[in-house]
Structures are given as C-alpha cells and as structure tokens.
Amino acid sequence: MYLEDYVVGTRTEHPGRVLVGQGEIVEFAQRFDPQYFHVDPAAAANGPYHGLIASGWHTAGLMMRLYADQYLSKVASLGGPGVDELRWHLPVRPGDVLRLTTEVLQADRSRSKPDRGLVRTRAELYNQDNTLVLSCIALNLIGAKGPPRP
C-alpha cells in the first residue's frame, strides 16, 4: 500500500488476534512498569483492579504489533511523528484476546516532500468481549506511488 491507497473513511476490522499471557504481562512490567498490580498476582488480587493487569504501555505495544503487521504498508511506511489521544479504556488481563480496527482519518500528500504524505489513523484495540481497551490516533509518513496530481 502507498499513500494513495489510504482512503479517508475506510474502516477495517483486521483478522489477526493476540492472546495476552500472564507471563508476558509480568515480564514486561518487571522491566518497564514495575507497579505491583502488573508484577505480583497475589498483591494484585487485593488491589484496585482485583487481579493482575497489563501495563498500558504493554497494551500499546501489542496494538503496535498488530498495527505494523496488519495495517502499515510493508513497502512505503516511513515511520511516524507521533501518536495523539492515546487512551486506555479498560485494563487488559491474562487470557484476553485482542484485535485491531483502524479508520483512515486523513491522507494528505506533503507539500514540501511530495514523494510522501501524512496518514492519520484511528486505531482501536478490542478484547474478546468486543470491549474497547485502547484507542489512539496514529500519525504515519507513507510514501507515494506516483507524482502529485495537477
């Protein structure tokens, strides 16, 4: 896919799924977000979430993996300048199965670098109960396949 293939308004429910395991929740949190409700199942059981939950940053990483595998262009992705409106709507727990939906919000060719453009995408991550767990607006630079139209 190239810039021209990202059509504003296109909403896609992607087929891939990711199963979240307790071991990976703890491993990620021990390294990056060592709060007790992410690293200690026994203490988490008595905490505010009544059990172990994934770090929001871990959840964002899982979203990014699905996003890179299922949405971003394999031939024209040039990275991205950031993410807007990142929200964690519901904790992710061991055993959750997550899936990605995307909606193209903007796909504009750059005036200063017409060989590429900016794509703004609403990315949403849902669990097995079809409940929204994460949302964000991802900004990506995508190469164009042809010259600008006059």
Protein backbone atom coordinates (compact mmCIF):
# COMPACT_ATOMS: atom_id res chain seq x y z
CA MET A 1 0.00 0.00 0.00
CA TYR A 2 1.09 3.53 -0.81
CA LEU A 3 -0.26 6.91 0.26
CA GLU A 4 -2.88 6.84 -2.49
CA ASP A 5 -4.25 3.54 -1.13
CA TYR A 6 -5.16 5.01 2.28
CA VAL A 7 -8.68 6.31 1.61
CA VAL A 8 -10.26 8.61 4.18
CA GLY A 9 -13.24 6.96 5.83
CA THR A 10 -12.04 3.39 5.29
CA ARG A 11 -12.69 1.35 8.43
CA THR A 12 -11.15 -2.10 8.70
CA GLU A 13 -11.56 -4.88 11.24
CA HIS A 14 -8.29 -6.76 10.94
CA PRO A 15 -8.27 -10.56 11.18
CA GLY A 16 -5.26 -11.08 13.45
CA ARG A 17 -5.55 -11.72 17.16
CA VAL A 18 -3.10 -11.68 20.05
CA LEU A 19 -3.52 -13.73 23.23
CA VAL A 20 -2.18 -11.96 26.32
CA GLY A 21 -0.38 -14.28 28.73
CA GLN A 22 0.28 -13.74 32.42
CA GLY A 23 3.99 -14.40 31.98
CA GLU A 24 4.40 -11.72 29.33
CA ILE A 25 2.42 -9.21 31.44
CA VAL A 26 4.75 -9.77 34.39
CA GLU A 27 7.90 -9.87 32.26
CA PHE A 28 7.09 -6.58 30.51
CA ALA A 29 6.14 -4.88 33.77
CA GLN A 30 9.22 -6.07 35.64
CA ARG A 31 11.33 -4.40 33.00
CA PHE A 32 9.33 -1.25 32.22
CA ASP A 33 6.43 -0.62 34.64
CA PRO A 34 7.02 -2.43 37.95
CA GLN A 35 3.84 -1.48 39.76
CA TYR A 36 2.50 -4.25 41.98
CA PHE A 37 -0.74 -4.73 40.03
CA HIS A 38 1.39 -5.56 36.94
CA VAL A 39 4.04 -7.79 38.55
CA ASP A 40 2.57 -9.54 41.61
CA PRO A 41 -0.59 -11.62 41.02
CA ALA A 42 -1.16 -12.18 44.76
CA ALA A 43 -0.90 -8.50 45.70
CA ALA A 44 -2.88 -7.51 42.59
CA ALA A 45 -5.77 -9.73 43.71
CA ASN A 46 -6.25 -7.38 46.68
CA GLY A 47 -5.63 -4.21 44.68
CA PRO A 48 -7.92 -1.78 42.92
CA TYR A 49 -8.26 -3.95 39.79
CA HIS A 50 -8.94 -7.21 41.68
CA GLY A 51 -6.27 -9.06 39.75
CA LEU A 52 -3.23 -8.74 37.56
CA ILE A 53 -3.47 -6.29 34.66
CA ALA A 54 -1.14 -5.45 31.80
CA SER A 55 0.70 -2.16 31.81
CA GLY A 56 -0.94 0.31 29.47
CA TRP A 57 2.42 0.61 27.72
CA HIS A 58 2.42 -3.15 27.16
CA THR A 59 -1.08 -2.87 25.70
CA ALA A 60 0.13 -0.07 23.43
CA GLY A 61 3.00 -2.30 22.30
CA LEU A 62 0.57 -5.11 21.48
CA MET A 63 -1.53 -2.65 19.49
CA MET A 64 1.57 -1.51 17.62
CA ARG A 65 2.48 -5.08 16.70
CA LEU A 66 -0.97 -5.70 15.21
CA TYR A 67 -0.87 -2.27 13.54
CA ALA A 68 2.54 -2.93 11.95
CA ASP A 69 1.63 -6.46 10.85
CA GLN A 70 -1.88 -5.79 9.56
CA TYR A 71 -2.19 -2.14 8.60
CA LEU A 72 1.05 -0.34 7.86
CA SER A 73 2.48 -0.54 4.37
CA LYS A 74 5.27 -3.08 4.00
CA VAL A 75 6.75 -1.09 1.08
CA ALA A 76 6.03 2.57 1.82
CA SER A 77 6.00 3.11 5.60
CA LEU A 78 8.48 5.82 6.58
CA GLY A 79 7.89 5.89 10.33
CA GLY A 80 5.75 8.37 12.16
CA PRO A 81 5.93 11.67 14.01
CA GLY A 82 3.79 10.59 16.94
CA VAL A 83 0.53 9.44 18.43
CA ASP A 84 -2.35 11.60 19.62
CA GLU A 85 -5.16 10.88 22.06
CA LEU A 86 -3.77 7.63 23.49
CA ARG A 87 -6.35 6.25 25.91
CA TRP A 88 -6.59 3.09 27.98
CA HIS A 89 -10.31 2.39 28.35
CA LEU A 90 -10.24 -0.92 30.21
CA PRO A 91 -7.49 -2.99 31.81
CA VAL A 92 -6.11 -5.91 29.81
CA ARG A 93 -5.91 -9.14 31.79
CA PRO A 94 -4.23 -12.51 31.37
CA GLY A 95 -6.17 -14.57 28.84
CA ASP A 96 -7.59 -11.61 26.96
CA VAL A 97 -7.59 -11.93 23.17
CA LEU A 98 -7.09 -8.60 21.41
CA ARG A 99 -7.95 -7.46 17.89
CA LEU A 100 -7.39 -4.24 15.94
CA THR A 101 -9.68 -1.96 13.99
CA THR A 102 -8.48 1.05 12.02
CA GLU A 103 -10.13 4.03 10.37
CA VAL A 104 -8.29 6.35 7.99
CA LEU A 105 -8.98 9.91 9.15
CA GLN A 106 -6.59 11.83 6.89
CA ALA A 107 -4.25 11.02 3.99
CA ASP A 108 -2.58 14.17 2.66
CA ARG A 109 0.43 14.48 0.41
CA SER A 110 3.23 16.64 1.78
CA ARG A 111 3.71 19.99 0.03
CA SER A 112 7.39 20.17 0.94
CA LYS A 113 8.14 16.48 0.20
CA PRO A 114 5.63 15.36 -2.46
CA ASP A 115 7.06 11.83 -2.59
CA ARG A 116 5.23 11.11 0.70
CA GLY A 117 2.33 12.13 2.86
CA LEU A 118 0.83 12.00 6.32
CA VAL A 119 -1.80 9.43 7.21
CA ARG A 120 -3.80 9.90 10.42
CA THR A 121 -5.49 6.72 11.61
CA ARG A 122 -7.81 5.99 14.49
CA ALA A 123 -6.61 2.68 15.92
CA GLU A 124 -8.77 0.77 18.38
CA LEU A 125 -7.98 -2.40 20.27
CA TYR A 126 -10.85 -4.62 21.43
CA ASN A 127 -10.89 -7.66 23.70
CA GLN A 128 -12.73 -10.96 23.20
CA ASP A 129 -15.91 -9.41 24.64
CA ASN A 130 -15.83 -6.72 21.93
CA THR A 131 -15.00 -4.13 24.59
CA LEU A 132 -12.70 -1.25 23.70
CA VAL A 133 -9.46 -1.44 25.70
CA LEU A 134 -7.23 1.09 23.88
CA SER A 135 -7.65 3.86 21.32
CA CYS A 136 -5.31 6.36 19.73
CA ILE A 137 -4.75 8.49 16.65
CA ALA A 138 -1.58 7.25 14.96
CA LEU A 139 0.38 9.52 12.61
CA ASN A 140 2.39 7.83 9.87
CA LEU A 141 4.51 9.04 6.99
CA ILE A 142 3.73 6.94 3.90
CA GLY A 143 5.49 7.03 0.55
CA ALA A 144 3.50 7.90 -2.56
CA LYS A 145 3.48 5.63 -5.59
CA GLY A 146 3.19 8.38 -8.15
CA PRO A 147 3.72 12.09 -8.73
CA PRO A 148 1.21 14.59 -7.36
CA ARG A 149 -1.88 15.10 -9.47
CA PRO A 150 -2.14 18.55 -11.04
